[in-house]
Each structure stands twice: as structure tokens, then as C-alpha cells.
Protein backbone atom coordinates (compact mmCIF):
# COMPACT_ATOMS: atom_id res chain seq x y z
CA MET A 1 -29.07 -1.13 35.57
CA SER A 2 -28.72 -4.62 37.02
CA ASP A 3 -25.36 -6.66 37.53
CA ILE A 4 -24.69 -10.72 37.15
CA ASP A 5 -25.97 -12.22 39.89
CA TYR A 6 -23.18 -14.56 41.94
CA PRO A 7 -23.01 -17.52 41.47
CA TYR A 8 -23.91 -17.30 37.98
CA HIS A 9 -27.34 -19.11 37.96
CA PHE A 10 -29.96 -18.45 35.15
CA SER A 11 -33.32 -16.82 35.99
CA GLY A 12 -36.78 -18.16 35.78
CA GLN A 13 -36.83 -16.60 31.94
CA GLY A 14 -34.13 -18.70 31.22
CA ARG A 15 -32.00 -15.79 31.01
CA THR A 16 -28.47 -14.66 33.25
CA ALA A 17 -29.87 -13.86 36.74
CA SER A 18 -29.57 -10.05 37.56
CA ILE A 19 -29.41 -8.02 41.18
CA ASP A 20 -29.39 -4.78 42.29
CA TYR A 21 -25.88 -2.92 42.66
CA GLU A 22 -25.65 -3.30 46.47
CA SER A 23 -26.16 -6.99 46.66
CA HIS A 24 -23.67 -7.56 43.14
CA ILE A 25 -20.71 -5.22 45.71
CA ARG A 26 -21.71 -8.22 48.35
CA ASP A 27 -20.99 -10.68 46.14
CA LEU A 28 -17.92 -9.04 45.04
CA ILE A 29 -17.17 -8.92 48.13
CA GLU A 30 -17.78 -12.56 49.49
CA GLN A 31 -15.72 -13.46 46.06
CA VAL A 32 -12.49 -11.99 47.61
CA ILE A 33 -13.51 -13.11 51.25
CA PHE A 34 -13.56 -16.96 50.37
CA THR A 35 -11.42 -16.76 47.34
CA SER A 36 -7.64 -18.54 48.24
CA PRO A 37 -4.74 -17.07 46.40
CA GLY A 38 -4.76 -18.98 42.91
CA GLU A 39 -7.21 -19.92 42.55
CA ARG A 40 -7.92 -17.74 39.55
CA VAL A 41 -6.02 -18.52 36.48
CA ASN A 42 -5.83 -14.99 35.57
CA ARG A 43 -4.80 -13.19 38.63
CA PRO A 44 -3.09 -15.57 40.92
CA THR A 45 -3.24 -12.90 43.85
CA PHE A 46 -6.93 -12.53 44.13
CA GLY A 47 -8.31 -13.49 47.10
CA SER A 48 -7.68 -13.42 50.75
CA GLY A 49 -6.75 -17.31 51.89
CA ILE A 50 -8.43 -17.14 55.44
CA LEU A 51 -10.01 -20.60 54.26
CA GLN A 52 -6.85 -22.04 54.97
CA LEU A 53 -7.26 -20.87 58.70
CA VAL A 54 -10.11 -22.24 59.43
CA PHE A 55 -8.17 -25.50 61.23
CA ALA A 56 -5.67 -23.66 62.98
CA PRO A 57 -5.69 -22.94 66.74
CA ASN A 58 -7.96 -20.37 67.64
CA SER A 59 -5.86 -17.53 69.34
CA VAL A 60 -5.89 -13.77 69.94
CA GLU A 61 -3.06 -13.79 67.35
CA LEU A 62 -4.81 -16.12 64.58
CA ALA A 63 -7.86 -13.54 64.59
CA GLY A 64 -5.95 -10.97 64.19
CA THR A 65 -4.01 -12.54 60.97
CA THR A 66 -7.42 -13.13 60.04
CA GLN A 67 -9.03 -9.38 60.29
CA PHE A 68 -5.59 -7.88 58.35
CA LEU A 69 -5.61 -10.49 55.52
CA VAL A 70 -9.53 -10.28 55.09
CA GLN A 71 -9.38 -5.91 54.99
CA SER A 72 -6.01 -5.82 53.04
CA SER A 73 -7.68 -8.26 50.71
CA LEU A 74 -11.07 -5.75 49.92
CA GLN A 75 -9.08 -2.50 49.99
CA GLU A 76 -6.77 -4.12 47.09
CA TRP A 77 -9.57 -5.74 45.10
CA LEU A 78 -12.00 -3.55 45.92
CA GLY A 79 -11.18 -0.32 47.38
CA ASP A 80 -12.19 1.38 44.21
CA LEU A 81 -15.76 0.33 45.24
CA ILE A 82 -16.29 0.32 48.88
CA GLN A 83 -14.66 1.29 52.11
CA VAL A 84 -13.82 -0.75 54.57
CA SER A 85 -14.61 0.38 57.98
CA ALA A 86 -14.28 -2.67 60.53
CA VAL A 87 -13.85 -6.31 59.86
CA GLU A 88 -14.44 -9.28 62.53
CA VAL A 89 -13.78 -12.56 62.17
CA GLU A 90 -15.21 -15.31 64.42
CA SER A 91 -14.67 -19.16 64.44
CA ILE A 92 -16.57 -22.00 65.78
CA GLU A 93 -15.04 -25.24 65.34
CA GLU A 94 -15.30 -25.64 61.76
CA ARG A 95 -17.22 -22.60 60.40
CA LEU A 96 -16.05 -19.20 59.94
CA ASN A 97 -17.93 -16.22 60.36
CA VAL A 98 -16.97 -13.04 58.75
CA THR A 99 -18.69 -9.24 59.83
CA VAL A 100 -17.50 -6.62 57.47
CA ARG A 101 -18.71 -2.85 58.07
CA TYR A 102 -17.98 -0.90 55.11
CA LEU A 103 -19.55 2.47 52.31
CA ILE A 104 -20.51 1.78 49.05
CA ARG A 105 -18.41 4.50 47.28
CA ARG A 106 -20.90 4.67 44.43
CA THR A 107 -24.35 5.09 46.77
CA GLN A 108 -22.84 6.33 50.08
CA GLN A 109 -24.66 3.62 51.61
CA GLU A 110 -23.05 2.00 54.94
CA ARG A 111 -24.11 -1.86 54.74
CA VAL A 112 -23.21 -4.44 57.20
CA ASP A 113 -22.95 -7.88 55.93
CA GLN A 114 -21.93 -11.33 57.65
CA PHE A 115 -19.83 -14.23 54.89
CA SER A 116 -20.30 -17.55 56.83
CA ARG A 117 -18.52 -20.74 55.57
């Protein structure tokens, strides 16, 4: 069984594009990380809100806050699908890099994925 790919688009056959389960989980993590609370009409608290922190002055406190925001948001919204082991956040000029280490509960597969904006 396959899941809908994110962002939504059509495949070469003109159907909704689909992907495997592990890639779908990665897409869900990306949505949680880069969605700001208030963007989703029926889920006003969905997301981590870290895009608002990109232009804040870099500091140890900011890095810790960002890691906490990401980890707590992933736990809240995807806690039944994944178990987060570690979150690393790096802000370089206008770019935000997030590395997430996690275990997919259904398959017991450990993964490390990087996300950037």
C-alpha cells in the first residue's frame, strides 16, 4: 500500500502521486517542522513555528529553544507514528537546517533525515 506524496502533485499517469510508507513519514515530519501555528484552519496549533526564528540572533539559548520546539511538536503530532531520538538544529545566515533521528514505530526502522529551508 502506498501513501499520497507531499507536496501534492500528479504522477506521469495523471493520477495522484504516491510514495512508500517511510517516505510518507518523512513528508509528515517536514510538514510539522515547517508549518507555523495558525496556518491550518482546522488545526490552529499544528506545526512548530521555527520559521519565525530564522532571523533571530544566533545563540545557545535559541538553538535549545528551537530543538525543544521541534521535538515537542513532533511528539505531539506524530508521536503515534515515530519515536524521536534526537533533533539537531543549525541556522546558517538565512538557511535553517534540521536533522531528526527517529524510529518508525510500525516498521521499527531507525532513520536520520535532514530538512532545510
